[in-house]
Amino acid sequence: MLIPPDWIDLESWEAFHEMRRKIKAPLTTYAERLIIGELVKLKGGGEDPQLCLDQSIMNGWRDVFRLRDKGIVQTGPKEYYKAPAPMTAEEKAASDRARKMAMESLGRRAK
C-alpha cells in the first residue's frame, strides 16, 4: 500500500482500501497512484480531497469525485441532485496543473 500525501489522513486511506476489498474491487498499486492523482486534481480544483475520499468511503464508490452535497436542492419532501456548474477556465487550468504535477511525481507524462 502506498503512503498517501500528508494532507490525506492515513486512517481514511486505509478505510478506502478496506471498503474496496469488501466490494471485491481491491486497489492495485497503479490504481492507488491514479486515485492519489485524482485527489491532487480535486485539491487543485478547490475541493477538500479528504472530504472527497470520505464521501467515497461512505457511499462505497470505487473512485473519488467532487463533493456531491454542494448541489443538493431541497424541493419539498425529496432532495434532488443538481449538477454542479461546469469548471471555469481558471479551475480547469488549476486542475490541469495539479494533474500534470501528479503525473510527473509518478514518473509519467500528462496527456
PDB file of N, CA and C in Angstrom:
ATOM      1  N   MET A   1       0.849  -1.178   0.000  1.00  0.00           N
ATOM      2  CA  MET A   1       0.000   0.000   0.000  1.00  0.00           C
ATOM      3  C   MET A   1       0.893   1.239   0.000  1.00  0.00           C
ATOM      4  N   LEU A   2       0.559   2.169  -0.903  1.00  0.00           N
ATOM      5  CA  LEU A   2       1.287   3.427  -0.958  1.00  0.00           C
ATOM      6  C   LEU A   2       0.928   4.292   0.240  1.00  0.00           C
ATOM      7  N   ILE A   3       1.855   5.102   0.664  1.00  0.00           N
ATOM      8  CA  ILE A   3       1.591   6.090   1.712  1.00  0.00           C
ATOM      9  C   ILE A   3       1.008   7.320   1.011  1.00  0.00           C
ATOM     10  N   PRO A   4      -0.176   7.746   1.423  1.00  0.00           N
ATOM     11  CA  PRO A   4      -0.786   8.905   0.756  1.00  0.00           C
ATOM     12  C   PRO A   4      -0.069  10.195   1.143  1.00  0.00           C
ATOM     13  N   PRO A   5      -0.327  11.281   0.407  1.00  0.00           N
ATOM     14  CA  PRO A   5       0.247  12.586   0.785  1.00  0.00           C
ATOM     15  C   PRO A   5      -0.172  12.941   2.210  1.00  0.00           C
ATOM     16  N   ASP A   6       0.587  13.799   2.857  1.00  0.00           N
ATOM     17  CA  ASP A   6       0.316  14.115   4.269  1.00  0.00           C
ATOM     18  C   ASP A   6      -1.005  14.842   4.485  1.00  0.00           C
ATOM     19  N   TRP A   7      -1.619  15.368   3.435  1.00  0.00           N
ATOM     20  CA  TRP A   7      -2.913  16.039   3.579  1.00  0.00           C
ATOM     21  C   TRP A   7      -4.082  15.062   3.508  1.00  0.00           C
ATOM     22  N   ILE A   8      -3.776  13.755   3.386  1.00  0.00           N
ATOM     23  CA  ILE A   8      -4.803  12.712   3.465  1.00  0.00           C
ATOM     24  C   ILE A   8      -4.546  11.895   4.725  1.00  0.00           C
ATOM     25  N   ASP A   9      -5.568  11.769   5.551  1.00  0.00           N
ATOM     26  CA  ASP A   9      -5.479  11.013   6.789  1.00  0.00           C
ATOM     27  C   ASP A   9      -5.219   9.539   6.471  1.00  0.00           C
ATOM     28  N   LEU A  10      -4.202   8.965   7.098  1.00  0.00           N
ATOM     29  CA  LEU A  10      -3.832   7.571   6.839  1.00  0.00           C
ATOM     30  C   LEU A  10      -4.980   6.626   7.195  1.00  0.00           C
ATOM     31  N   GLU A  11      -5.716   6.929   8.252  1.00  0.00           N
ATOM     32  CA  GLU A  11      -6.850   6.088   8.645  1.00  0.00           C
ATOM     33  C   GLU A  11      -7.918   6.065   7.540  1.00  0.00           C
ATOM     34  N   SER A  12      -8.184   7.207   6.929  1.00  0.00           N
ATOM     35  CA  SER A  12      -9.157   7.266   5.827  1.00  0.00           C
ATOM     36  C   SER A  12      -8.641   6.491   4.618  1.00  0.00           C
ATOM     37  N   TRP A  13      -7.362   6.623   4.339  1.00  0.00           N
ATOM     38  CA  TRP A  13      -6.762   5.904   3.205  1.00  0.00           C
ATOM     39  C   TRP A  13      -6.901   4.398   3.407  1.00  0.00           C
ATOM     40  N   GLU A  14      -6.620   3.934   4.629  1.00  0.00           N
ATOM     41  CA  GLU A  14      -6.763   2.510   4.931  1.00  0.00           C
ATOM     42  C   GLU A  14      -8.228   2.080   4.873  1.00  0.00           C
ATOM     43  N   ALA A  15      -9.138   2.961   5.315  1.00  0.00           N
ATOM     44  CA  ALA A  15     -10.570   2.658   5.254  1.00  0.00           C
ATOM     45  C   ALA A  15     -11.029   2.544   3.796  1.00  0.00           C
ATOM     46  N   PHE A  16     -10.472   3.393   2.920  1.00  0.00           N
ATOM     47  CA  PHE A  16     -10.810   3.312   1.495  1.00  0.00           C
ATOM     48  C   PHE A  16     -10.360   1.964   0.934  1.00  0.00           C
ATOM     49  N   HIS A  17      -9.149   1.536   1.315  1.00  0.00           N
ATOM     50  CA  HIS A  17      -8.646   0.217   0.898  1.00  0.00           C
ATOM     51  C   HIS A  17      -9.572  -0.891   1.395  1.00  0.00           C
ATOM     52  N   GLU A  18      -9.953  -0.815   2.654  1.00  0.00           N
ATOM     53  CA  GLU A  18     -10.819  -1.842   3.236  1.00  0.00           C
ATOM     54  C   GLU A  18     -12.168  -1.892   2.514  1.00  0.00           C
ATOM     55  N   MET A  19     -12.745  -0.720   2.268  1.00  0.00           N
ATOM     56  CA  MET A  19     -14.025  -0.656   1.572  1.00  0.00           C
ATOM     57  C   MET A  19     -13.897  -1.269   0.184  1.00  0.00           C
ATOM     58  N   ARG A  20     -12.818  -0.957  -0.536  1.00  0.00           N
ATOM     59  CA  ARG A  20     -12.615  -1.520  -1.875  1.00  0.00           C
ATOM     60  C   ARG A  20     -12.482  -3.041  -1.819  1.00  0.00           C
ATOM     61  N   ARG A  21     -11.791  -3.549  -0.789  1.00  0.00           N
ATOM     62  CA  ARG A  21     -11.691  -5.011  -0.650  1.00  0.00           C
ATOM     63  C   ARG A  21     -13.068  -5.623  -0.406  1.00  0.00           C
ATOM     64  N   LYS A  22     -13.873  -4.975   0.429  1.00  0.00           N
ATOM     65  CA  LYS A  22     -15.199  -5.508   0.761  1.00  0.00           C
ATOM     66  C   LYS A  22     -16.139  -5.515  -0.443  1.00  0.00           C
ATOM     67  N   ILE A  23     -15.968  -4.582  -1.353  1.00  0.00           N
ATOM     68  CA  ILE A  23     -16.811  -4.578  -2.546  1.00  0.00           C
ATOM     69  C   ILE A  23     -16.158  -5.381  -3.676  1.00  0.00           C
ATOM     70  N   LYS A  24     -15.131  -6.124  -3.324  1.00  0.00           N
ATOM     71  CA  LYS A  24     -14.423  -7.004  -4.256  1.00  0.00           C
ATOM     72  C   LYS A  24     -13.800  -6.250  -5.428  1.00  0.00           C
ATOM     73  N   ALA A  25     -13.219  -5.091  -5.098  1.00  0.00           N
ATOM     74  CA  ALA A  25     -12.503  -4.281  -6.086  1.00  0.00           C
ATOM     75  C   ALA A  25     -11.237  -3.746  -5.437  1.00  0.00           C
ATOM     76  N   PRO A  26     -10.327  -4.655  -5.023  1.00  0.00           N
ATOM     77  CA  PRO A  26      -9.122  -4.179  -4.334  1.00  0.00           C
ATOM     78  C   PRO A  26      -8.266  -3.289  -5.226  1.00  0.00           C
ATOM     79  N   LEU A  27      -7.553  -2.386  -4.567  1.00  0.00           N
ATOM     80  CA  LEU A  27      -6.696  -1.444  -5.282  1.00  0.00           C
ATOM     81  C   LEU A  27      -5.356  -2.073  -5.620  1.00  0.00           C
ATOM     82  N   THR A  28      -4.958  -1.943  -6.872  1.00  0.00           N
ATOM     83  CA  THR A  28      -3.593  -2.296  -7.247  1.00  0.00           C
ATOM     84  C   THR A  28      -2.720  -1.081  -6.945  1.00  0.00           C
ATOM     85  N   THR A  29      -1.424  -1.258  -7.010  1.00  0.00           N
ATOM     86  CA  THR A  29      -0.522  -0.130  -6.794  1.00  0.00           C
ATOM     87  C   THR A  29      -0.769   0.958  -7.841  1.00  0.00           C
ATOM     88  N   TYR A  30      -1.001   0.545  -9.073  1.00  0.00           N
ATOM     89  CA  TYR A  30      -1.269   1.521 -10.135  1.00  0.00           C
ATOM     90  C   TYR A  30      -2.579   2.263  -9.863  1.00  0.00           C
ATOM     91  N   ALA A  31      -3.606   1.529  -9.423  1.00  0.00           N
ATOM     92  CA  ALA A  31      -4.889   2.168  -9.099  1.00  0.00           C
ATOM     93  C   ALA A  31      -4.720   3.163  -7.953  1.00  0.00           C
ATOM     94  N   GLU A  32      -3.874   2.818  -6.973  1.00  0.00           N
ATOM     95  CA  GLU A  32      -3.597   3.761  -5.876  1.00  0.00           C
ATOM     96  C   GLU A  32      -3.022   5.063  -6.425  1.00  0.00           C
ATOM     97  N   ARG A  33      -2.090   4.945  -7.351  1.00  0.00           N
ATOM     98  CA  ARG A  33      -1.481   6.139  -7.944  1.00  0.00           C
ATOM     99  C   ARG A  33      -2.519   6.975  -8.677  1.00  0.00           C
ATOM    100  N   LEU A  34      -3.413   6.305  -9.386  1.00  0.00           N
ATOM    101  CA  LEU A  34      -4.462   7.025 -10.100  1.00  0.00           C
ATOM    102  C   LEU A  34      -5.408   7.733  -9.134  1.00  0.00           C
ATOM    103  N   ILE A  35      -5.773   7.077  -8.042  1.00  0.00           N
ATOM    104  CA  ILE A  35      -6.661   7.692  -7.044  1.00  0.00           C
ATOM    105  C   ILE A  35      -5.971   8.899  -6.415  1.00  0.00           C
ATOM    106  N   ILE A  36      -4.700   8.745  -6.065  1.00  0.00           N
ATOM    107  CA  ILE A  36      -3.955   9.874  -5.486  1.00  0.00           C
ATOM    108  C   ILE A  36      -3.878  11.012  -6.497  1.00  0.00           C
ATOM    109  N   GLY A  37      -3.633  10.683  -7.763  1.00  0.00           N
ATOM    110  CA  GLY A  37      -3.605  11.706  -8.806  1.00  0.00           C
ATOM    111  C   GLY A  37      -4.947  12.427  -8.919  1.00  0.00           C
ATOM    112  N   GLU A  38      -6.031  11.681  -8.796  1.00  0.00           N
ATOM    113  CA  GLU A  38      -7.360  12.290  -8.854  1.00  0.00           C
ATOM    114  C   GLU A  38      -7.589  13.188  -7.642  1.00  0.00           C
ATOM    115  N   LEU A  39      -7.112  12.774  -6.467  1.00  0.00           N
ATOM    116  CA  LEU A  39      -7.231  13.612  -5.272  1.00  0.00           C
ATOM    117  C   LEU A  39      -6.427  14.901  -5.424  1.00  0.00           C
ATOM    118  N   VAL A  40      -5.267  14.805  -6.069  1.00  0.00           N
ATOM    119  CA  VAL A  40      -4.456  16.002  -6.328  1.00  0.00           C
ATOM    120  C   VAL A  40      -5.225  16.949  -7.249  1.00  0.00           C
ATOM    121  N   LYS A  41      -5.868  16.394  -8.293  1.00  0.00           N
ATOM    122  CA  LYS A  41      -6.668  17.221  -9.206  1.00  0.00           C
ATOM    123  C   LYS A  41      -7.828  17.882  -8.462  1.00  0.00           C
ATOM    124  N   LEU A  42      -8.497  17.120  -7.614  1.00  0.00           N
ATOM    125  CA  LEU A  42      -9.617  17.675  -6.852  1.00  0.00           C
ATOM    126  C   LEU A  42      -9.140  18.809  -5.949  1.00  0.00           C
ATOM    127  N   LYS A  43      -7.989  18.594  -5.318  1.00  0.00           N
ATOM    128  CA  LYS A  43      -7.423  19.630  -4.446  1.00  0.00           C
ATOM    129  C   LYS A  43      -7.094  20.879  -5.257  1.00  0.00           C
ATOM    130  N   GLY A  44      -6.500  20.684  -6.430  1.00  0.00           N
ATOM    131  CA  GLY A  44      -6.169  21.809  -7.300  1.00  0.00           C
ATOM    132  C   GLY A  44      -7.399  22.548  -7.810  1.00  0.00           C
ATOM    133  N   GLY A  45      -8.533  21.846  -7.855  1.00  0.00           N
ATOM    134  CA  GLY A  45      -9.782  22.453  -8.293  1.00  0.00           C
ATOM    135  C   GLY A  45     -10.587  23.075  -7.168  1.00  0.00           C
ATOM    136  N   GLY A  46      -9.983  23.132  -5.967  1.00  0.00           N
ATOM    137  CA  GLY A  46     -10.650  23.790  -4.852  1.00  0.00           C
ATOM    138  C   GLY A  46     -11.458  22.879  -3.948  1.00  0.00           C
ATOM    139  N   GLU A  47     -11.465  21.590  -4.235  1.00  0.00           N
ATOM    140  CA  GLU A  47     -12.189  20.645  -3.378  1.00  0.00           C
ATOM    141  C   GLU A  47     -11.312  20.245  -2.190  1.00  0.00           C
ATOM    142  N   ASP A  48     -11.952  19.772  -1.133  1.00  0.00           N
ATOM    143  CA  ASP A  48     -11.228  19.220   0.010  1.00  0.00           C
ATOM    144  C   ASP A  48     -11.039  17.731  -0.275  1.00  0.00           C
ATOM    145  N   PRO A  49      -9.821  17.303  -0.626  1.00  0.00           N
ATOM    146  CA  PRO A  49      -9.614  15.912  -1.017  1.00  0.00           C
ATOM    147  C   PRO A  49      -9.946  14.919   0.091  1.00  0.00           C
ATOM    148  N   GLN A  50      -9.755  15.313   1.347  1.00  0.00           N
ATOM    149  CA  GLN A  50     -10.083  14.433   2.459  1.00  0.00           C
ATOM    150  C   GLN A  50     -11.586  14.155   2.482  1.00  0.00           C
ATOM    151  N   LEU A  51     -12.388  15.202   2.297  1.00  0.00           N
ATOM    152  CA  LEU A  51     -13.844  15.027   2.280  1.00  0.00           C
ATOM    153  C   LEU A  51     -14.289  14.225   1.066  1.00  0.00           C
ATOM    154  N   CYS A  52     -13.616  14.409  -0.063  1.00  0.00           N
ATOM    155  CA  CYS A  52     -13.941  13.637  -1.266  1.00  0.00           C
ATOM    156  C   CYS A  52     -13.669  12.151  -1.033  1.00  0.00           C
ATOM    157  N   LEU A  53     -12.550  11.842  -0.379  1.00  0.00           N
ATOM    158  CA  LEU A  53     -12.218  10.453  -0.070  1.00  0.00           C
ATOM    159  C   LEU A  53     -13.237   9.874   0.905  1.00  0.00           C
ATOM    160  N   ASP A  54     -13.568  10.632   1.947  1.00  0.00           N
ATOM    161  CA  ASP A  54     -14.555  10.166   2.931  1.00  0.00           C
ATOM    162  C   ASP A  54     -15.919   9.944   2.278  1.00  0.00           C
ATOM    163  N   GLN A  55     -16.302  10.806   1.337  1.00  0.00           N
ATOM    164  CA  GLN A  55     -17.563  10.651   0.616  1.00  0.00           C
ATOM    165  C   GLN A  55     -17.584   9.315  -0.125  1.00  0.00           C
ATOM    166  N   SER A  56     -16.466   8.969  -0.763  1.00  0.00           N
ATOM    167  CA  SER A  56     -16.390   7.704  -1.496  1.00  0.00           C
ATOM    168  C   SER A  56     -16.472   6.510  -0.550  1.00  0.00           C
ATOM    169  N   ILE A  57     -15.857   6.619   0.608  1.00  0.00           N
ATOM    170  CA  ILE A  57     -15.912   5.542   1.594  1.00  0.00           C
ATOM    171  C   ILE A  57     -17.354   5.351   2.062  1.00  0.00           C
ATOM    172  N   MET A  58     -18.003   6.452   2.406  1.00  0.00           N
ATOM    173  CA  MET A  58     -19.373   6.380   2.931  1.00  0.00           C
ATOM    174  C   MET A  58     -20.353   5.804   1.911  1.00  0.00           C
ATOM    175  N   ASN A  59     -20.122   6.074   0.639  1.00  0.00           N
ATOM    176  CA  ASN A  59     -21.050   5.633  -0.401  1.00  0.00           C
ATOM    177  C   ASN A  59     -20.629   4.342  -1.096  1.00  0.00           C
ATOM    178  N   GLY A  60     -19.462   3.803  -0.728  1.00  0.00           N
ATOM    179  CA  GLY A  60     -18.992   2.564  -1.345  1.00  0.00           C
ATOM    180  C   GLY A  60     -18.601   2.729  -2.803  1.00  0.00           C
ATOM    181  N   TRP A  61     -18.099   3.926  -3.137  1.00  0.00           N
ATOM    182  CA  TRP A  61     -17.708   4.200  -4.516  1.00  0.00           C
ATOM    183  C   TRP A  61     -16.289   3.722  -4.778  1.00  0.00           C
ATOM    184  N   ARG A  62     -16.020   3.279  -5.990  1.00  0.00           N
ATOM    185  CA  ARG A  62     -14.694   2.799  -6.373  1.00  0.00           C
ATOM    186  C   ARG A  62     -13.723   3.923  -6.670  1.00  0.00           C
ATOM    187  N   ASP A  63     -14.223   5.096  -6.941  1.00  0.00           N
ATOM    188  CA  ASP A  63     -13.394   6.230  -7.339  1.00  0.00           C
ATOM    189  C   ASP A  63     -13.677   7.402  -6.405  1.00  0.00           C
ATOM    190  N   VAL A  64     -12.982   8.510  -6.610  1.00  0.00           N
ATOM    191  CA  VAL A  64     -13.224   9.718  -5.831  1.00  0.00           C
ATOM    192  C   VAL A  64     -13.775  10.794  -6.772  1.00  0.00           C
ATOM    193  N   PHE A  65     -14.668  11.613  -6.230  1.00  0.00           N
ATOM    194  CA  PHE A  65     -15.364  12.608  -7.033  1.00  0.00           C
ATOM    195  C   PHE A  65     -15.475  13.918  -6.271  1.00  0.00           C
ATOM    196  N   ARG A  66     -15.845  14.975  -7.007  1.00  0.00           N
ATOM    197  CA  ARG A  66     -16.145  16.249  -6.363  1.00  0.00           C
ATOM    198  C   ARG A  66     -17.255  16.017  -5.347  1.00  0.00           C
ATOM    199  N   LEU A  67     -17.298  16.840  -4.309  1.00  0.00           N
ATOM    200  CA  LEU A  67     -18.334  16.692  -3.299  1.00  0.00           C
ATOM    201  C   LEU A  67     -19.712  16.877  -3.921  1.00  0.00           C
ATOM    202  N   ARG A  68     -20.591  15.960  -3.638  1.00  0.00           N
ATOM    203  CA  ARG A  68     -21.924  15.972  -4.242  1.00  0.00           C
ATOM    204  C   ARG A  68     -22.909  16.834  -3.478  1.00  0.00           C
ATOM    205  N   ASP A  69     -22.725  16.981  -2.169  1.00  0.00           N
ATOM    206  CA  ASP A  69     -23.735  17.668  -1.369  1.00  0.00           C
ATOM    207  C   ASP A  69     -23.785  19.166  -1.636  1.00  0.00           C
ATOM    208  N   LYS A  70     -22.842  19.720  -2.367  1.00  0.00           N
ATOM    209  CA  LYS A  70     -22.863  21.148  -2.662  1.00  0.00           C
ATOM    210  C   LYS A  70     -24.035  21.510  -3.567  1.00  0.00           C
ATOM    211  N   GLY A  71     -24.509  20.575  -4.352  1.00  0.00           N
ATOM    212  CA  GLY A  71     -25.541  20.896  -5.322  1.00  0.00           C
ATOM    213  C   GLY A  71     -26.911  20.366  -4.973  1.00  0.00           C
ATOM    214  N   ILE A  72     -27.141  19.921  -3.752  1.00  0.00           N
ATOM    215  CA  ILE A  72     -28.454  19.390  -3.390  1.00  0.00           C
ATOM    216  C   ILE A  72     -29.403  20.545  -3.113  1.00  0.00           C
ATOM    217  N   VAL A  73     -30.560  20.443  -3.717  1.00  0.00           N
ATOM    218  CA  VAL A  73     -31.567  21.484  -3.556  1.00  0.00           C
ATOM    219  C   VAL A  73     -32.779  20.856  -2.883  1.00  0.00           C
ATOM    220  N   GLN A  74     -33.253  21.460  -1.802  1.00  0.00           N
ATOM    221  CA  GLN A  74     -34.438  20.956  -1.111  1.00  0.00           C
ATOM    222  C   GLN A  74     -35.669  21.448  -1.870  1.00  0.00           C
ATOM    223  N   THR A  75     -36.503  20.523  -2.313  1.00  0.00           N
ATOM    224  CA  THR A  75     -37.691  20.900  -3.078  1.00  0.00           C
ATOM    225  C   THR A  75     -38.944  20.302  -2.462  1.00  0.00           C
ATOM    226  N   GLY A  76     -39.009  20.202  -1.175  1.00  0.00           N
ATOM    227  CA  GLY A  76     -40.146  19.575  -0.513  1.00  0.00           C
ATOM    228  C   GLY A  76     -39.666  18.331   0.211  1.00  0.00           C
ATOM    229  N   PRO A  77     -40.465  17.264   0.148  1.00  0.00           N
ATOM    230  CA  PRO A  77     -40.088  16.070   0.904  1.00  0.00           C
ATOM    231  C   PRO A  77     -38.886  15.320   0.343  1.00  0.00           C
ATOM    232  N   LYS A  78     -38.549  15.539  -0.926  1.00  0.00           N
ATOM    233  CA  LYS A  78     -37.421  14.827  -1.531  1.00  0.00           C
ATOM    234  C   LYS A  78     -36.298  15.804  -1.827  1.00  0.00           C
ATOM    235  N   GLU A  79     -35.084  15.286  -1.853  1.00  0.00           N
ATOM    236  CA  GLU A  79     -33.934  16.076  -2.262  1.00  0.00           C
ATOM    237  C   GLU A  79     -33.517  15.598  -3.642  1.00  0.00           C
ATOM    238  N   TYR A  80     -33.271  16.530  -4.527  1.00  0.00           N
ATOM    239  CA  TYR A  80     -32.829  16.202  -5.865  1.00  0.00           C
ATOM    240  C   TYR A  80     -31.426  16.743  -6.065  1.00  0.00           C
ATOM    241  N   TYR A  81     -30.640  15.974  -6.786  1.00  0.00           N
ATOM    242  CA  TYR A  81     -29.266  16.384  -7.058  1.00  0.00           C
ATOM    243  C   TYR A  81     -29.266  17.378  -8.201  1.00  0.00           C
ATOM    244  N   LYS A  82     -28.629  18.485  -7.975  1.00  0.00           N
ATOM    245  CA  LYS A  82     -28.437  19.490  -9.018  1.00  0.00           C
ATOM    246  C   LYS A  82     -26.977  19.432  -9.431  1.00  0.00           C
ATOM    247  N   ALA A  83     -26.737  19.177 -10.692  1.00  0.00           N
ATOM    248  CA  ALA A  83     -25.362  19.045 -11.177  1.00  0.00           C
ATOM    249  C   ALA A  83     -24.581  20.325 -10.906  1.00  0.00           C
ATOM    250  N   PRO A  84     -23.309  20.179 -10.500  1.00  0.00           N
ATOM    251  CA  PRO A  84     -22.502  21.374 -10.262  1.00  0.00           C
ATOM    252  C   PRO A  84     -22.258  22.125 -11.570  1.00  0.00           C
ATOM    253  N   ALA A  85     -22.010  23.401 -11.440  1.00  0.00           N
ATOM    254  CA  ALA A  85     -21.711  24.223 -12.614  1.00  0.00           C
ATOM    255  C   ALA A  85     -20.409  23.735 -13.251  1.00  0.00           C
ATOM    256  N   PRO A  86     -20.288  23.860 -14.558  1.00  0.00           N
ATOM    257  CA  PRO A  86     -19.033  23.474 -15.210  1.00  0.00           C
ATOM    258  C   PRO A  86     -17.868  24.283 -14.637  1.00  0.00           C
ATOM    259  N   MET A  87     -16.675  23.705 -14.712  1.00  0.00           N
ATOM    260  CA  MET A  87     -15.494  24.398 -14.201  1.00  0.00           C
ATOM    261  C   MET A  87     -15.228  25.656 -15.019  1.00  0.00           C
ATOM    262  N   THR A  88     -14.772  26.668 -14.322  1.00  0.00           N
ATOM    263  CA  THR A  88     -14.347  27.884 -15.014  1.00  0.00           C
ATOM    264  C   THR A  88     -12.995  27.613 -15.664  1.00  0.00           C
ATOM    265  N   ALA A  89     -12.565  28.523 -16.505  1.00  0.00           N
ATOM    266  CA  ALA A  89     -11.260  28.374 -17.162  1.00  0.00           C
ATOM    267  C   ALA A  89     -10.141  28.338 -16.125  1.00  0.00           C
ATOM    268  N   GLU A  90     -10.277  29.135 -15.061  1.00  0.00           N
ATOM    269  CA  GLU A  90      -9.254  29.152 -14.005  1.00  0.00           C
ATOM    270  C   GLU A  90      -9.231  27.821 -13.256  1.00  0.00           C
ATOM    271  N   GLU A  91     -10.416  27.263 -12.949  1.00  0.00           N
ATOM    272  CA  GLU A  91     -10.479  25.973 -12.253  1.00  0.00           C
ATOM    273  C   GLU A  91      -9.899  24.865 -13.123  1.00  0.00           C
ATOM    274  N   LYS A  92     -10.217  24.895 -14.422  1.00  0.00           N
ATOM    275  CA  LYS A  92      -9.681  23.882 -15.324  1.00  0.00           C
ATOM    276  C   LYS A  92      -8.165  23.995 -15.413  1.00  0.00           C
ATOM    277  N   ALA A  93      -7.643  25.211 -15.504  1.00  0.00           N
ATOM    278  CA  ALA A  93      -6.191  25.399 -15.568  1.00  0.00           C
ATOM    279  C   ALA A  93      -5.535  24.887 -14.292  1.00  0.00           C
ATOM    280  N   ALA A  94      -6.134  25.162 -13.131  1.00  0.00           N
ATOM    281  CA  ALA A  94      -5.590  24.682 -11.855  1.00  0.00           C
ATOM    282  C   ALA A  94      -5.643  23.157 -11.805  1.00  0.00           C
ATOM    283  N   SER A  95      -6.735  22.585 -12.284  1.00  0.00           N
ATOM    284  CA  SER A  95      -6.874  21.134 -12.312  1.00  0.00           C
ATOM    285  C   SER A  95      -5.837  20.506 -13.234  1.00  0.00           C
ATOM    286  N   ASP A  96      -5.651  21.105 -14.411  1.00  0.00           N
ATOM    287  CA  ASP A  96      -4.654  20.595 -15.355  1.00  0.00           C
ATOM    288  C   ASP A  96      -3.244  20.675 -14.780  1.00  0.00           C
ATOM    289  N   ARG A  97      -2.932  21.792 -14.093  1.00  0.00           N
ATOM    290  CA  ARG A  97      -1.607  21.928 -13.463  1.00  0.00           C
ATOM    291  C   ARG A  97      -1.422  20.863 -12.381  1.00  0.00           C
ATOM    292  N   ALA A  98      -2.452  20.651 -11.573  1.00  0.00           N
ATOM    293  CA  ALA A  98      -2.370  19.652 -10.499  1.00  0.00           C
ATOM    294  C   ALA A  98      -2.189  18.255 -11.089  1.00  0.00           C
ATOM    295  N   ARG A  99      -2.919  17.956 -12.169  1.00  0.00           N
ATOM    296  CA  ARG A  99      -2.787  16.653 -12.809  1.00  0.00           C
ATOM    297  C   ARG A  99      -1.379  16.465 -13.355  1.00  0.00           C
ATOM    298  N   LYS A 100      -0.853  17.500 -14.001  1.00  0.00           N
ATOM    299  CA  LYS A 100       0.496  17.421 -14.563  1.00  0.00           C
ATOM    300  C   LYS A 100       1.517  17.171 -13.457  1.00  0.00           C
ATOM    301  N   MET A 101       1.380  17.906 -12.338  1.00  0.00           N
ATOM    302  CA  MET A 101       2.305  17.717 -11.216  1.00  0.00           C
ATOM    303  C   MET A 101       2.198  16.304 -10.646  1.00  0.00           C
ATOM    304  N   ALA A 102       0.966  15.799 -10.533  1.00  0.00           N
ATOM    305  CA  ALA A 102       0.757  14.453 -10.003  1.00  0.00           C
ATOM    306  C   ALA A 102       1.378  13.412 -10.919  1.00  0.00           C
ATOM    307  N   MET A 103       1.161  13.564 -12.208  1.00  0.00           N
ATOM    308  CA  MET A 103       1.710  12.595 -13.154  1.00  0.00           C
ATOM    309  C   MET A 103       3.237  12.655 -13.178  1.00  0.00           C
ATOM    310  N   GLU A 104       3.791  13.866 -13.089  1.00  0.00           N
ATOM    311  CA  GLU A 104       5.250  13.988 -13.054  1.00  0.00           C
ATOM    312  C   GLU A 104       5.811  13.347 -11.801  1.00  0.00           C
ATOM    313  N   SER A 105       5.099  13.494 -10.672  1.00  0.00           N
ATOM    314  CA  SER A 105       5.580  12.884  -9.428  1.00  0.00           C
ATOM    315  C   SER A 105       5.523  11.364  -9.507  1.00  0.00           C
ATOM    316  N   LEU A 106       4.653  10.843 -10.385  1.00  0.00           N
ATOM    317  CA  LEU A 106       4.545   9.404 -10.575  1.00  0.00           C
ATOM    318  C   LEU A 106       5.457   8.912 -11.698  1.00  0.00           C
ATOM    319  N   GLY A 107       6.170   9.846 -12.317  1.00  0.00           N
ATOM    320  CA  GLY A 107       7.120   9.470 -13.369  1.00  0.00           C
ATOM    321  C   GLY A 107       6.456   9.256 -14.725  1.00  0.00           C
ATOM    322  N   ARG A 108       5.278   9.873 -14.936  1.00  0.00           N
ATOM    323  CA  ARG A 108       4.572   9.711 -16.201  1.00  0.00           C
ATOM    324  C   ARG A 108       4.331  11.080 -16.816  1.00  0.00           C
ATOM    325  N   ARG A 109       4.107  11.095 -18.105  1.00  0.00           N
ATOM    326  CA  ARG A 109       3.789  12.349 -18.782  1.00  0.00           C
ATOM    327  C   ARG A 109       2.294  12.556 -18.766  1.00  0.00           C
ATOM    328  N   ALA A 110       1.895  13.773 -18.536  1.00  0.00           N
ATOM    329  CA  ALA A 110       0.479  14.129 -18.577  1.00  0.00           C
ATOM    330  C   ALA A 110       0.060  14.249 -20.034  1.00  0.00           C
ATOM    331  N   LYS A 111      -1.166  13.785 -20.334  1.00  0.00           N
ATOM    332  CA  LYS A 111      -1.688  13.864 -21.707  1.00  0.00           C
ATOM    333  C   LYS A 111      -2.428  15.146 -21.892  1.00  0.00           C
TER     334      LYS A 111
END
